[in-house]
Amino acid sequence: MDRLYTPDEARALLPAIVEDARALVAARADMTELAHDRRTSGSSPLGGIPELKALEARIEEILSGWAGQGLEIKGIAPVLLDFPAVLDGVSVRLCWIEGETELGWYHRTDLGFAGRRPLP
């Protein structure tokens, strides 16, 4: 069975998630800028292929860490993570999106993000 989180367990992980998300956002922005500069002008002040590969590796490291904790990665631009859970006998996902400072939302597993509701 996959890892299930209680709201308290998910909230306890959130400070580390937010820190990792900040690193991912920085790497995502640098990677985007570097790739754009190389496409449009042939070079970038952020570096070349080695730096691009290092940014890709950093993003993959963060994503792998989250997946290893049983989190579902729904997106990286913006970062959107779901924590599998059960509330009142119903399969749900505790839902966190980049920019939120706390874990305050959930949705039924079968409804997805559009079915978000505040956590009770």
PDB file of N, CA and C in Angstrom:
ATOM      1  N   MET A   1       0.838  -1.189   0.000  1.00  0.00           N
ATOM      2  CA  MET A   1       0.000   0.000   0.000  1.00  0.00           C
ATOM      3  C   MET A   1       0.881   1.251   0.000  1.00  0.00           C
ATOM      4  N   ASP A   2       0.431   2.273  -0.706  1.00  0.00           N
ATOM      5  CA  ASP A   2       1.167   3.536  -0.757  1.00  0.00           C
ATOM      6  C   ASP A   2       1.107   4.239   0.596  1.00  0.00           C
ATOM      7  N   ARG A   3       2.023   5.137   0.803  1.00  0.00           N
ATOM      8  CA  ARG A   3       2.096   5.918   2.040  1.00  0.00           C
ATOM      9  C   ARG A   3       0.873   6.806   2.154  1.00  0.00           C
ATOM     10  N   LEU A   4       0.229   6.787   3.332  1.00  0.00           N
ATOM     11  CA  LEU A   4      -0.874   7.695   3.625  1.00  0.00           C
ATOM     12  C   LEU A   4      -0.424   8.642   4.724  1.00  0.00           C
ATOM     13  N   TYR A   5      -0.824   9.888   4.610  1.00  0.00           N
ATOM     14  CA  TYR A   5      -0.457  10.922   5.572  1.00  0.00           C
ATOM     15  C   TYR A   5      -1.683  11.391   6.340  1.00  0.00           C
ATOM     16  N   THR A   6      -1.476  11.696   7.603  1.00  0.00           N
ATOM     17  CA  THR A   6      -2.474  12.445   8.351  1.00  0.00           C
ATOM     18  C   THR A   6      -2.180  13.919   8.075  1.00  0.00           C
ATOM     19  N   PRO A   7      -3.162  14.800   8.285  1.00  0.00           N
ATOM     20  CA  PRO A   7      -2.860  16.227   8.115  1.00  0.00           C
ATOM     21  C   PRO A   7      -1.683  16.686   8.974  1.00  0.00           C
ATOM     22  N   ASP A   8      -1.581  16.191  10.210  1.00  0.00           N
ATOM     23  CA  ASP A   8      -0.469  16.594  11.070  1.00  0.00           C
ATOM     24  C   ASP A   8       0.872  16.113  10.530  1.00  0.00           C
ATOM     25  N   GLU A   9       0.924  14.888  10.007  1.00  0.00           N
ATOM     26  CA  GLU A   9       2.169  14.378   9.425  1.00  0.00           C
ATOM     27  C   GLU A   9       2.576  15.198   8.206  1.00  0.00           C
ATOM     28  N   ALA A  10       1.613  15.523   7.366  1.00  0.00           N
ATOM     29  CA  ALA A  10       1.906  16.322   6.172  1.00  0.00           C
ATOM     30  C   ALA A  10       2.381  17.720   6.572  1.00  0.00           C
ATOM     31  N   ARG A  11       1.707  18.312   7.550  1.00  0.00           N
ATOM     32  CA  ARG A  11       2.110  19.654   8.003  1.00  0.00           C
ATOM     33  C   ARG A  11       3.519  19.646   8.596  1.00  0.00           C
ATOM     34  N   ALA A  12       3.893  18.560   9.259  1.00  0.00           N
ATOM     35  CA  ALA A  12       5.234  18.468   9.839  1.00  0.00           C
ATOM     36  C   ALA A  12       6.309  18.461   8.747  1.00  0.00           C
ATOM     37  N   LEU A  13       5.986  17.938   7.566  1.00  0.00           N
ATOM     38  CA  LEU A  13       6.937  17.919   6.445  1.00  0.00           C
ATOM     39  C   LEU A  13       7.006  19.247   5.699  1.00  0.00           C
ATOM     40  N   LEU A  14       6.009  20.086   5.883  1.00  0.00           N
ATOM     41  CA  LEU A  14       5.897  21.279   5.046  1.00  0.00           C
ATOM     42  C   LEU A  14       7.108  22.215   5.088  1.00  0.00           C
ATOM     43  N   PRO A  15       7.735  22.473   6.238  1.00  0.00           N
ATOM     44  CA  PRO A  15       8.911  23.358   6.199  1.00  0.00           C
ATOM     45  C   PRO A  15      10.001  22.848   5.250  1.00  0.00           C
ATOM     46  N   ALA A  16      10.255  21.556   5.251  1.00  0.00           N
ATOM     47  CA  ALA A  16      11.263  20.992   4.335  1.00  0.00           C
ATOM     48  C   ALA A  16      10.774  21.061   2.891  1.00  0.00           C
ATOM     49  N   ILE A  17       9.479  20.845   2.686  1.00  0.00           N
ATOM     50  CA  ILE A  17       8.900  20.930   1.339  1.00  0.00           C
ATOM     51  C   ILE A  17       9.063  22.348   0.793  1.00  0.00           C
ATOM     52  N   VAL A  18       8.742  23.341   1.616  1.00  0.00           N
ATOM     53  CA  VAL A  18       8.847  24.742   1.189  1.00  0.00           C
ATOM     54  C   VAL A  18      10.303  25.088   0.857  1.00  0.00           C
ATOM     55  N   GLU A  19      11.231  24.615   1.676  1.00  0.00           N
ATOM     56  CA  GLU A  19      12.654  24.875   1.408  1.00  0.00           C
ATOM     57  C   GLU A  19      13.083  24.229   0.085  1.00  0.00           C
ATOM     58  N   ASP A  20      12.692  22.971  -0.112  1.00  0.00           N
ATOM     59  CA  ASP A  20      13.008  22.297  -1.377  1.00  0.00           C
ATOM     60  C   ASP A  20      12.332  22.993  -2.557  1.00  0.00           C
ATOM     61  N   ALA A  21      11.105  23.451  -2.362  1.00  0.00           N
ATOM     62  CA  ALA A  21      10.387  24.131  -3.442  1.00  0.00           C
ATOM     63  C   ALA A  21      11.091  25.428  -3.826  1.00  0.00           C
ATOM     64  N   ARG A  22      11.613  26.148  -2.845  1.00  0.00           N
ATOM     65  CA  ARG A  22      12.378  27.376  -3.154  1.00  0.00           C
ATOM     66  C   ARG A  22      13.586  27.052  -4.017  1.00  0.00           C
ATOM     67  N   ALA A  23      14.284  25.975  -3.674  1.00  0.00           N
ATOM     68  CA  ALA A  23      15.454  25.565  -4.461  1.00  0.00           C
ATOM     69  C   ALA A  23      15.027  25.138  -5.863  1.00  0.00           C
ATOM     70  N   LEU A  24      13.905  24.436  -5.965  1.00  0.00           N
ATOM     71  CA  LEU A  24      13.410  24.012  -7.272  1.00  0.00           C
ATOM     72  C   LEU A  24      13.021  25.222  -8.120  1.00  0.00           C
ATOM     73  N   VAL A  25      12.341  26.188  -7.523  1.00  0.00           N
ATOM     74  CA  VAL A  25      11.923  27.389  -8.256  1.00  0.00           C
ATOM     75  C   VAL A  25      13.146  28.146  -8.774  1.00  0.00           C
ATOM     76  N   ALA A  26      14.179  28.274  -7.952  1.00  0.00           N
ATOM     77  CA  ALA A  26      15.402  28.957  -8.381  1.00  0.00           C
ATOM     78  C   ALA A  26      16.064  28.200  -9.524  1.00  0.00           C
ATOM     79  N   ALA A  27      16.177  26.881  -9.386  1.00  0.00           N
ATOM     80  CA  ALA A  27      16.784  26.074 -10.448  1.00  0.00           C
ATOM     81  C   ALA A  27      15.938  26.126 -11.718  1.00  0.00           C
ATOM     82  N   ARG A  28      14.623  26.080 -11.565  1.00  0.00           N
ATOM     83  CA  ARG A  28      13.708  26.153 -12.713  1.00  0.00           C
ATOM     84  C   ARG A  28      13.898  27.471 -13.467  1.00  0.00           C
ATOM     85  N   ALA A  29      13.983  28.579 -12.739  1.00  0.00           N
ATOM     86  CA  ALA A  29      14.156  29.890 -13.371  1.00  0.00           C
ATOM     87  C   ALA A  29      15.513  29.993 -14.062  1.00  0.00           C
ATOM     88  N   ASP A  30      16.573  29.545 -13.380  1.00  0.00           N
ATOM     89  CA  ASP A  30      17.903  29.584 -13.988  1.00  0.00           C
ATOM     90  C   ASP A  30      17.958  28.711 -15.235  1.00  0.00           C
ATOM     91  N   MET A  31      17.372  27.533 -15.156  1.00  0.00           N
ATOM     92  CA  MET A  31      17.380  26.614 -16.296  1.00  0.00           C
ATOM     93  C   MET A  31      16.630  27.232 -17.482  1.00  0.00           C
ATOM     94  N   THR A  32      15.509  27.848 -17.207  1.00  0.00           N
ATOM     95  CA  THR A  32      14.719  28.471 -18.265  1.00  0.00           C
ATOM     96  C   THR A  32      15.489  29.622 -18.915  1.00  0.00           C
ATOM     97  N   GLU A  33      16.094  30.457 -18.078  1.00  0.00           N
ATOM     98  CA  GLU A  33      16.857  31.595 -18.599  1.00  0.00           C
ATOM     99  C   GLU A  33      18.070  31.134 -19.394  1.00  0.00           C
ATOM    100  N   LEU A  34      18.795  30.168 -18.850  1.00  0.00           N
ATOM    101  CA  LEU A  34      19.981  29.663 -19.525  1.00  0.00           C
ATOM    102  C   LEU A  34      19.618  29.062 -20.882  1.00  0.00           C
ATOM    103  N   ALA A  35      18.588  28.247 -20.917  1.00  0.00           N
ATOM    104  CA  ALA A  35      18.175  27.614 -22.177  1.00  0.00           C
ATOM    105  C   ALA A  35      17.706  28.659 -23.187  1.00  0.00           C
ATOM    106  N   HIS A  36      16.946  29.646 -22.719  1.00  0.00           N
ATOM    107  CA  HIS A  36      16.471  30.705 -23.616  1.00  0.00           C
ATOM    108  C   HIS A  36      17.641  31.502 -24.197  1.00  0.00           C
ATOM    109  N   ASP A  37      18.561  31.918 -23.330  1.00  0.00           N
ATOM    110  CA  ASP A  37      19.715  32.692 -23.791  1.00  0.00           C
ATOM    111  C   ASP A  37      20.530  31.915 -24.826  1.00  0.00           C
ATOM    112  N   ARG A  38      20.722  30.635 -24.573  1.00  0.00           N
ATOM    113  CA  ARG A  38      21.513  29.822 -25.513  1.00  0.00           C
ATOM    114  C   ARG A  38      20.797  29.669 -26.852  1.00  0.00           C
ATOM    115  N   ARG A  39      19.473  29.559 -26.808  1.00  0.00           N
ATOM    116  CA  ARG A  39      18.701  29.446 -28.062  1.00  0.00           C
ATOM    117  C   ARG A  39      18.715  30.746 -28.850  1.00  0.00           C
ATOM    118  N   THR A  40      18.592  31.858 -28.148  1.00  0.00           N
ATOM    119  CA  THR A  40      18.432  33.132 -28.850  1.00  0.00           C
ATOM    120  C   THR A  40      19.746  33.833 -29.178  1.00  0.00           C
ATOM    121  N   SER A  41      20.758  33.661 -28.324  1.00  0.00           N
ATOM    122  CA  SER A  41      22.015  34.367 -28.592  1.00  0.00           C
ATOM    123  C   SER A  41      23.230  33.440 -28.646  1.00  0.00           C
ATOM    124  N   GLY A  42      23.041  32.176 -28.354  1.00  0.00           N
ATOM    125  CA  GLY A  42      24.146  31.230 -28.439  1.00  0.00           C
ATOM    126  C   GLY A  42      24.941  31.072 -27.166  1.00  0.00           C
ATOM    127  N   SER A  43      24.720  31.963 -26.188  1.00  0.00           N
ATOM    128  CA  SER A  43      25.443  31.846 -24.920  1.00  0.00           C
ATOM    129  C   SER A  43      24.597  32.451 -23.807  1.00  0.00           C
ATOM    130  N   SER A  44      25.024  32.187 -22.581  1.00  0.00           N
ATOM    131  CA  SER A  44      24.305  32.719 -21.422  1.00  0.00           C
ATOM    132  C   SER A  44      25.303  33.058 -20.329  1.00  0.00           C
ATOM    133  N   PRO A  45      25.060  34.151 -19.607  1.00  0.00           N
ATOM    134  CA  PRO A  45      25.929  34.456 -18.463  1.00  0.00           C
ATOM    135  C   PRO A  45      25.801  33.405 -17.355  1.00  0.00           C
ATOM    136  N   LEU A  46      24.755  32.584 -17.423  1.00  0.00           N
ATOM    137  CA  LEU A  46      24.570  31.538 -16.414  1.00  0.00           C
ATOM    138  C   LEU A  46      25.363  30.273 -16.732  1.00  0.00           C
ATOM    139  N   GLY A  47      25.973  30.215 -17.912  1.00  0.00           N
ATOM    140  CA  GLY A  47      26.807  29.068 -18.246  1.00  0.00           C
ATOM    141  C   GLY A  47      26.388  28.384 -19.522  1.00  0.00           C
ATOM    142  N   GLY A  48      26.784  27.126 -19.622  1.00  0.00           N
ATOM    143  CA  GLY A  48      26.523  26.351 -20.826  1.00  0.00           C
ATOM    144  C   GLY A  48      25.881  25.018 -20.491  1.00  0.00           C
ATOM    145  N   ILE A  49      26.190  24.036 -21.315  1.00  0.00           N
ATOM    146  CA  ILE A  49      25.597  22.704 -21.157  1.00  0.00           C
ATOM    147  C   ILE A  49      25.877  22.104 -19.775  1.00  0.00           C
ATOM    148  N   PRO A  50      27.101  22.191 -19.240  1.00  0.00           N
ATOM    149  CA  PRO A  50      27.337  21.599 -17.919  1.00  0.00           C
ATOM    150  C   PRO A  50      26.444  22.208 -16.824  1.00  0.00           C
ATOM    151  N   GLU A  51      26.271  23.517 -16.879  1.00  0.00           N
ATOM    152  CA  GLU A  51      25.435  24.184 -15.879  1.00  0.00           C
ATOM    153  C   GLU A  51      23.959  23.817 -16.073  1.00  0.00           C
ATOM    154  N   LEU A  52      23.539  23.712 -17.315  1.00  0.00           N
ATOM    155  CA  LEU A  52      22.166  23.301 -17.617  1.00  0.00           C
ATOM    156  C   LEU A  52      21.910  21.893 -17.083  1.00  0.00           C
ATOM    157  N   LYS A  53      22.842  20.990 -17.322  1.00  0.00           N
ATOM    158  CA  LYS A  53      22.708  19.612 -16.828  1.00  0.00           C
ATOM    159  C   LYS A  53      22.702  19.568 -15.299  1.00  0.00           C
ATOM    160  N   ALA A  54      23.503  20.422 -14.676  1.00  0.00           N
ATOM    161  CA  ALA A  54      23.528  20.470 -13.207  1.00  0.00           C
ATOM    162  C   ALA A  54      22.184  20.945 -12.656  1.00  0.00           C
ATOM    163  N   LEU A  55      21.573  21.926 -13.309  1.00  0.00           N
ATOM    164  CA  LEU A  55      20.251  22.404 -12.884  1.00  0.00           C
ATOM    165  C   LEU A  55      19.199  21.313 -13.059  1.00  0.00           C
ATOM    166  N   GLU A  56      19.242  20.620 -14.178  1.00  0.00           N
ATOM    167  CA  GLU A  56      18.307  19.510 -14.410  1.00  0.00           C
ATOM    168  C   GLU A  56      18.485  18.441 -13.332  1.00  0.00           C
ATOM    169  N   ALA A  57      19.723  18.141 -12.978  1.00  0.00           N
ATOM    170  CA  ALA A  57      19.997  17.129 -11.962  1.00  0.00           C
ATOM    171  C   ALA A  57      19.476  17.571 -10.597  1.00  0.00           C
ATOM    172  N   ARG A  58      19.629  18.852 -10.285  1.00  0.00           N
ATOM    173  CA  ARG A  58      19.132  19.368  -8.993  1.00  0.00           C
ATOM    174  C   ARG A  58      17.616  19.246  -8.916  1.00  0.00           C
ATOM    175  N   ILE A  59      16.933  19.600  -9.996  1.00  0.00           N
ATOM    176  CA  ILE A  59      15.475  19.481 -10.021  1.00  0.00           C
ATOM    177  C   ILE A  59      15.067  18.017  -9.863  1.00  0.00           C
ATOM    178  N   GLU A  60      15.727  17.133 -10.575  1.00  0.00           N
ATOM    179  CA  GLU A  60      15.410  15.703 -10.481  1.00  0.00           C
ATOM    180  C   GLU A  60      15.664  15.170  -9.079  1.00  0.00           C
ATOM    181  N   GLU A  61      16.721  15.642  -8.436  1.00  0.00           N
ATOM    182  CA  GLU A  61      17.022  15.223  -7.063  1.00  0.00           C
ATOM    183  C   GLU A  61      15.887  15.602  -6.111  1.00  0.00           C
ATOM    184  N   ILE A  62      15.389  16.821  -6.239  1.00  0.00           N
ATOM    185  CA  ILE A  62      14.289  17.288  -5.390  1.00  0.00           C
ATOM    186  C   ILE A  62      13.027  16.464  -5.666  1.00  0.00           C
ATOM    187  N   LEU A  63      12.695  16.292  -6.951  1.00  0.00           N
ATOM    188  CA  LEU A  63      11.491  15.537  -7.310  1.00  0.00           C
ATOM    189  C   LEU A  63      11.586  14.088  -6.832  1.00  0.00           C
ATOM    190  N   SER A  64      12.746  13.479  -6.975  1.00  0.00           N
ATOM    191  CA  SER A  64      12.937  12.100  -6.516  1.00  0.00           C
ATOM    192  C   SER A  64      12.784  11.992  -5.006  1.00  0.00           C
ATOM    193  N   GLY A  65      13.277  12.981  -4.295  1.00  0.00           N
ATOM    194  CA  GLY A  65      13.123  12.993  -2.843  1.00  0.00           C
ATOM    195  C   GLY A  65      11.670  13.036  -2.428  1.00  0.00           C
ATOM    196  N   TRP A  66      10.896  13.888  -3.098  1.00  0.00           N
ATOM    197  CA  TRP A  66       9.464  13.968  -2.790  1.00  0.00           C
ATOM    198  C   TRP A  66       8.758  12.664  -3.131  1.00  0.00           C
ATOM    199  N   ALA A  67       9.051  12.122  -4.297  1.00  0.00           N
ATOM    200  CA  ALA A  67       8.425  10.854  -4.706  1.00  0.00           C
ATOM    201  C   ALA A  67       8.790   9.744  -3.729  1.00  0.00           C
ATOM    202  N   GLY A  68      10.024   9.750  -3.249  1.00  0.00           N
ATOM    203  CA  GLY A  68      10.463   8.760  -2.287  1.00  0.00           C
ATOM    204  C   GLY A  68       9.725   8.828  -0.959  1.00  0.00           C
ATOM    205  N   GLN A  69       9.149   9.984  -0.664  1.00  0.00           N
ATOM    206  CA  GLN A  69       8.350  10.155   0.544  1.00  0.00           C
ATOM    207  C   GLN A  69       6.877   9.816   0.304  1.00  0.00           C
ATOM    208  N   GLY A  70       6.563   9.403  -0.914  1.00  0.00           N
ATOM    209  CA  GLY A  70       5.185   9.045  -1.228  1.00  0.00           C
ATOM    210  C   GLY A  70       4.328  10.217  -1.673  1.00  0.00           C
ATOM    211  N   LEU A  71       4.944  11.359  -1.938  1.00  0.00           N
ATOM    212  CA  LEU A  71       4.196  12.521  -2.411  1.00  0.00           C
ATOM    213  C   LEU A  71       3.913  12.369  -3.901  1.00  0.00           C
ATOM    214  N   GLU A  72       2.799  12.899  -4.331  1.00  0.00           N
ATOM    215  CA  GLU A  72       2.454  12.894  -5.750  1.00  0.00           C
ATOM    216  C   GLU A  72       2.765  14.274  -6.311  1.00  0.00           C
ATOM    217  N   ILE A  73       3.626  14.315  -7.313  1.00  0.00           N
ATOM    218  CA  ILE A  73       4.035  15.571  -7.933  1.00  0.00           C
ATOM    219  C   ILE A  73       3.098  15.821  -9.101  1.00  0.00           C
ATOM    220  N   LYS A  74       2.282  16.867  -8.968  1.00  0.00           N
ATOM    221  CA  LYS A  74       1.287  17.180  -9.989  1.00  0.00           C
ATOM    222  C   LYS A  74       1.775  18.254 -10.955  1.00  0.00           C
ATOM    223  N   GLY A  75       2.811  18.980 -10.568  1.00  0.00           N
ATOM    224  CA  GLY A  75       3.351  20.009 -11.450  1.00  0.00           C
ATOM    225  C   GLY A  75       4.583  20.642 -10.840  1.00  0.00           C
ATOM    226  N   ILE A  76       5.399  21.262 -11.719  1.00  0.00           N
ATOM    227  CA  ILE A  76       6.579  21.973 -11.207  1.00  0.00           C
ATOM    228  C   ILE A  76       6.566  23.452 -11.593  1.00  0.00           C
ATOM    229  N   ALA A  77       5.584  23.884 -12.357  1.00  0.00           N
ATOM    230  CA  ALA A  77       5.478  25.310 -12.712  1.00  0.00           C
ATOM    231  C   ALA A  77       4.005  25.683 -12.793  1.00  0.00           C
ATOM    232  N   PRO A  78       3.370  25.927 -11.681  1.00  0.00           N
ATOM    233  CA  PRO A  78       3.898  26.004 -10.320  1.00  0.00           C
ATOM    234  C   PRO A  78       4.065  24.625  -9.699  1.00  0.00           C
ATOM    235  N   VAL A  79       4.841  24.586  -8.600  1.00  0.00           N
ATOM    236  CA  VAL A  79       5.003  23.348  -7.848  1.00  0.00           C
ATOM    237  C   VAL A  79       3.651  23.010  -7.221  1.00  0.00           C
ATOM    238  N   LEU A  80       3.193  21.809  -7.475  1.00  0.00           N
ATOM    239  CA  LEU A  80       1.916  21.338  -6.932  1.00  0.00           C
ATOM    240  C   LEU A  80       2.121  19.913  -6.438  1.00  0.00           C
ATOM    241  N   LEU A  81       1.906  19.708  -5.139  1.00  0.00           N
ATOM    242  CA  LEU A  81       2.128  18.407  -4.508  1.00  0.00           C
ATOM    243  C   LEU A  81       0.869  17.936  -3.803  1.00  0.00           C
ATOM    244  N   ASP A  82       0.644  16.629  -3.867  1.00  0.00           N
ATOM    245  CA  ASP A  82      -0.443  16.001  -3.130  1.00  0.00           C
ATOM    246  C   ASP A  82       0.129  14.976  -2.163  1.00  0.00           C
ATOM    247  N   PHE A  83      -0.423  14.963  -0.956  1.00  0.00           N
ATOM    248  CA  PHE A  83      -0.114  13.968   0.059  1.00  0.00           C
ATOM    249  C   PHE A  83      -1.292  13.002   0.114  1.00  0.00           C
ATOM    250  N   PRO A  84      -1.118  11.727  -0.251  1.00  0.00           N
ATOM    251  CA  PRO A  84      -2.219  10.773  -0.154  1.00  0.00           C
ATOM    252  C   PRO A  84      -2.700  10.653   1.297  1.00  0.00           C
ATOM    253  N   ALA A  85      -4.014  10.617   1.474  1.00  0.00           N
ATOM    254  CA  ALA A  85      -4.592  10.561   2.816  1.00  0.00           C
ATOM    255  C   ALA A  85      -5.988   9.943   2.750  1.00  0.00           C
ATOM    256  N   VAL A  86      -6.527   9.708   3.908  1.00  0.00           N
ATOM    257  CA  VAL A  86      -7.918   9.272   4.042  1.00  0.00           C
ATOM    258  C   VAL A  86      -8.554  10.165   5.095  1.00  0.00           C
ATOM    259  N   LEU A  87      -9.660  10.801   4.735  1.00  0.00           N
ATOM    260  CA  LEU A  87     -10.422  11.616   5.678  1.00  0.00           C
ATOM    261  C   LEU A  87     -11.843  11.067   5.732  1.00  0.00           C
ATOM    262  N   ASP A  88     -12.287  10.760   6.927  1.00  0.00           N
ATOM    263  CA  ASP A  88     -13.642  10.217   7.117  1.00  0.00           C
ATOM    264  C   ASP A  88     -13.912   9.029   6.203  1.00  0.00           C
ATOM    265  N   GLY A  89     -12.905   8.175   6.035  1.00  0.00           N
ATOM    266  CA  GLY A  89     -13.064   6.971   5.232  1.00  0.00           C
ATOM    267  C   GLY A  89     -13.009   7.175   3.728  1.00  0.00           C
ATOM    268  N   VAL A  90     -12.718   8.397   3.289  1.00  0.00           N
ATOM    269  CA  VAL A  90     -12.687   8.726   1.861  1.00  0.00           C
ATOM    270  C   VAL A  90     -11.244   8.991   1.435  1.00  0.00           C
ATOM    271  N   SER A  91     -10.845   8.416   0.297  1.00  0.00           N
ATOM    272  CA  SER A  91      -9.519   8.666  -0.257  1.00  0.00           C
ATOM    273  C   SER A  91      -9.441  10.114  -0.736  1.00  0.00           C
ATOM    274  N   VAL A  92      -8.458  10.841  -0.209  1.00  0.00           N
ATOM    275  CA  VAL A  92      -8.278  12.255  -0.557  1.00  0.00           C
ATOM    276  C   VAL A  92      -6.812  12.527  -0.797  1.00  0.00           C
ATOM    277  N   ARG A  93      -6.541  13.711  -1.256  1.00  0.00           N
ATOM    278  CA  ARG A  93      -5.184  14.217  -1.389  1.00  0.00           C
ATOM    279  C   ARG A  93      -5.111  15.547  -0.647  1.00  0.00           C
ATOM    280  N   LEU A  94      -4.198  15.627   0.317  1.00  0.00           N
ATOM    281  CA  LEU A  94      -3.900  16.898   0.971  1.00  0.00           C
ATOM    282  C   LEU A  94      -3.054  17.666  -0.031  1.00  0.00           C
ATOM    283  N   CYS A  95      -3.473  18.859  -0.356  1.00  0.00           N
ATOM    284  CA  CYS A  95      -2.982  19.548  -1.543  1.00  0.00           C
ATOM    285  C   CYS A  95      -2.210  20.812  -1.161  1.00  0.00           C
ATOM    286  N   TRP A  96      -0.993  20.950  -1.699  1.00  0.00           N
ATOM    287  CA  TRP A  96      -0.171  22.136  -1.472  1.00  0.00           C
ATOM    288  C   TRP A  96       0.337  22.646  -2.807  1.00  0.00           C
ATOM    289  N   ILE A  97       0.245  23.974  -2.993  1.00  0.00           N
ATOM    290  CA  ILE A  97       0.740  24.598  -4.221  1.00  0.00           C
ATOM    291  C   ILE A  97       1.735  25.699  -3.866  1.00  0.00           C
ATOM    292  N   GLU A  98       2.719  25.837  -4.708  1.00  0.00           N
ATOM    293  CA  GLU A  98       3.760  26.866  -4.554  1.00  0.00           C
ATOM    294  C   GLU A  98       3.133  28.190  -4.153  1.00  0.00           C
ATOM    295  N   GLY A  99       3.731  28.811  -3.136  1.00  0.00           N
ATOM    296  CA  GLY A  99       3.259  30.104  -2.666  1.00  0.00           C
ATOM    297  C   GLY A  99       2.426  30.013  -1.396  1.00  0.00           C
ATOM    298  N   GLU A 100       1.844  28.851  -1.132  1.00  0.00           N
ATOM    299  CA  GLU A 100       1.075  28.698   0.097  1.00  0.00           C
ATOM    300  C   GLU A 100       2.041  28.512   1.263  1.00  0.00           C
ATOM    301  N   THR A 101       1.700  29.107   2.397  1.00  0.00           N
ATOM    302  CA  THR A 101       2.582  29.037   3.560  1.00  0.00           C
ATOM    303  C   THR A 101       2.193  27.923   4.521  1.00  0.00           C
ATOM    304  N   GLU A 102       1.030  27.333   4.300  1.00  0.00           N
ATOM    305  CA  GLU A 102       0.612  26.232   5.154  1.00  0.00           C
ATOM    306  C   GLU A 102      -0.186  25.230   4.337  1.00  0.00           C
ATOM    307  N   LEU A 103      -0.377  24.068   4.922  1.00  0.00           N
ATOM    308  CA  LEU A 103      -1.176  23.029   4.278  1.00  0.00           C
ATOM    309  C   LEU A 103      -2.604  23.195   4.779  1.00  0.00           C
ATOM    310  N   GLY A 104      -3.471  23.699   3.932  1.00  0.00           N
ATOM    311  CA  GLY A 104      -4.828  23.993   4.366  1.00  0.00           C
ATOM    312  C   GLY A 104      -5.911  23.467   3.450  1.00  0.00           C
ATOM    313  N   TRP A 105      -5.558  22.647   2.455  1.00  0.00           N
ATOM    314  CA  TRP A 105      -6.523  22.231   1.448  1.00  0.00           C
ATOM    315  C   TRP A 105      -6.449  20.729   1.183  1.00  0.00           C
ATOM    316  N   TYR A 106      -7.548  20.187   0.716  1.00  0.00           N
ATOM    317  CA  TYR A 106      -7.595  18.791   0.284  1.00  0.00           C
ATOM    318  C   TYR A 106      -8.598  18.676  -0.853  1.00  0.00           C
ATOM    319  N   HIS A 107      -8.554  17.558  -1.542  1.00  0.00           N
ATOM    320  CA  HIS A 107      -9.579  17.242  -2.533  1.00  0.00           C
ATOM    321  C   HIS A 107      -9.734  15.739  -2.598  1.00  0.00           C
ATOM    322  N   ARG A 108     -10.926  15.296  -2.956  1.00  0.00           N
ATOM    323  CA  ARG A 108     -11.121  13.869  -3.159  1.00  0.00           C
ATOM    324  C   ARG A 108     -10.174  13.412  -4.253  1.00  0.00           C
ATOM    325  N   THR A 109      -9.682  12.191  -4.108  1.00  0.00           N
ATOM    326  CA  THR A 109      -8.728  11.652  -5.074  1.00  0.00           C
ATOM    327  C   THR A 109      -9.305  11.654  -6.479  1.00  0.00           C
ATOM    328  N   ASP A 110     -10.578  11.340  -6.611  1.00  0.00           N
ATOM    329  CA  ASP A 110     -11.190  11.237  -7.931  1.00  0.00           C
ATOM    330  C   ASP A 110     -11.586  12.582  -8.538  1.00  0.00           C
ATOM    331  N   LEU A 111     -11.455  13.672  -7.791  1.00  0.00           N
ATOM    332  CA  LEU A 111     -11.862  14.981  -8.313  1.00  0.00           C
ATOM    333  C   LEU A 111     -10.693  15.859  -8.735  1.00  0.00           C
ATOM    334  N   GLY A 112      -9.551  15.701  -8.123  1.00  0.00           N
ATOM    335  CA  GLY A 112      -8.407  16.528  -8.483  1.00  0.00           C
ATOM    336  C   GLY A 112      -8.515  17.949  -7.964  1.00  0.00           C
ATOM    337  N   PHE A 113      -7.613  18.786  -8.446  1.00  0.00           N
ATOM    338  CA  PHE A 113      -7.436  20.159  -7.948  1.00  0.00           C
ATOM    339  C   PHE A 113      -8.722  20.978  -7.985  1.00  0.00           C
ATOM    340  N   ALA A 114      -9.537  20.791  -8.993  1.00  0.00           N
ATOM    341  CA  ALA A 114     -10.779  21.571  -9.125  1.00  0.00           C
ATOM    342  C   ALA A 114     -11.734  21.308  -7.950  1.00  0.00           C
ATOM    343  N   GLY A 115     -11.558  20.182  -7.268  1.00  0.00           N
ATOM    344  CA  GLY A 115     -12.411  19.854  -6.136  1.00  0.00           C
ATOM    345  C   GLY A 115     -11.830  20.253  -4.785  1.00  0.00           C
ATOM    346  N   ARG A 116     -10.849  21.161  -4.790  1.00  0.00           N
ATOM    347  CA  ARG A 116     -10.194  21.594  -3.528  1.00  0.00           C
ATOM    348  C   ARG A 116     -11.182  22.187  -2.547  1.00  0.00           C
ATOM    349  N   ARG A 117     -10.991  21.812  -1.300  1.00  0.00           N
ATOM    350  CA  ARG A 117     -11.775  22.358  -0.188  1.00  0.00           C
ATOM    351  C   ARG A 117     -10.822  22.645   0.992  1.00  0.00           C
ATOM    352  N   PRO A 118     -11.197  23.588   1.841  1.00  0.00           N
ATOM    353  CA  PRO A 118     -10.364  23.817   3.039  1.00  0.00           C
ATOM    354  C   PRO A 118     -10.384  22.589   3.941  1.00  0.00           C
ATOM    355  N   LEU A 119      -9.236  22.278   4.525  1.00  0.00           N
ATOM    356  CA  LEU A 119      -9.170  21.179   5.489  1.00  0.00           C
ATOM    357  C   LEU A 119     -10.030  21.520   6.697  1.00  0.00           C
ATOM    358  N   PRO A 120     -10.750  20.529   7.210  1.00  0.00           N
ATOM    359  CA  PRO A 120     -11.575  20.812   8.410  1.00  0.00           C
ATOM    360  C   PRO A 120     -10.720  21.058   9.632  1.00  0.00           C
TER     361      PRO A 120
END
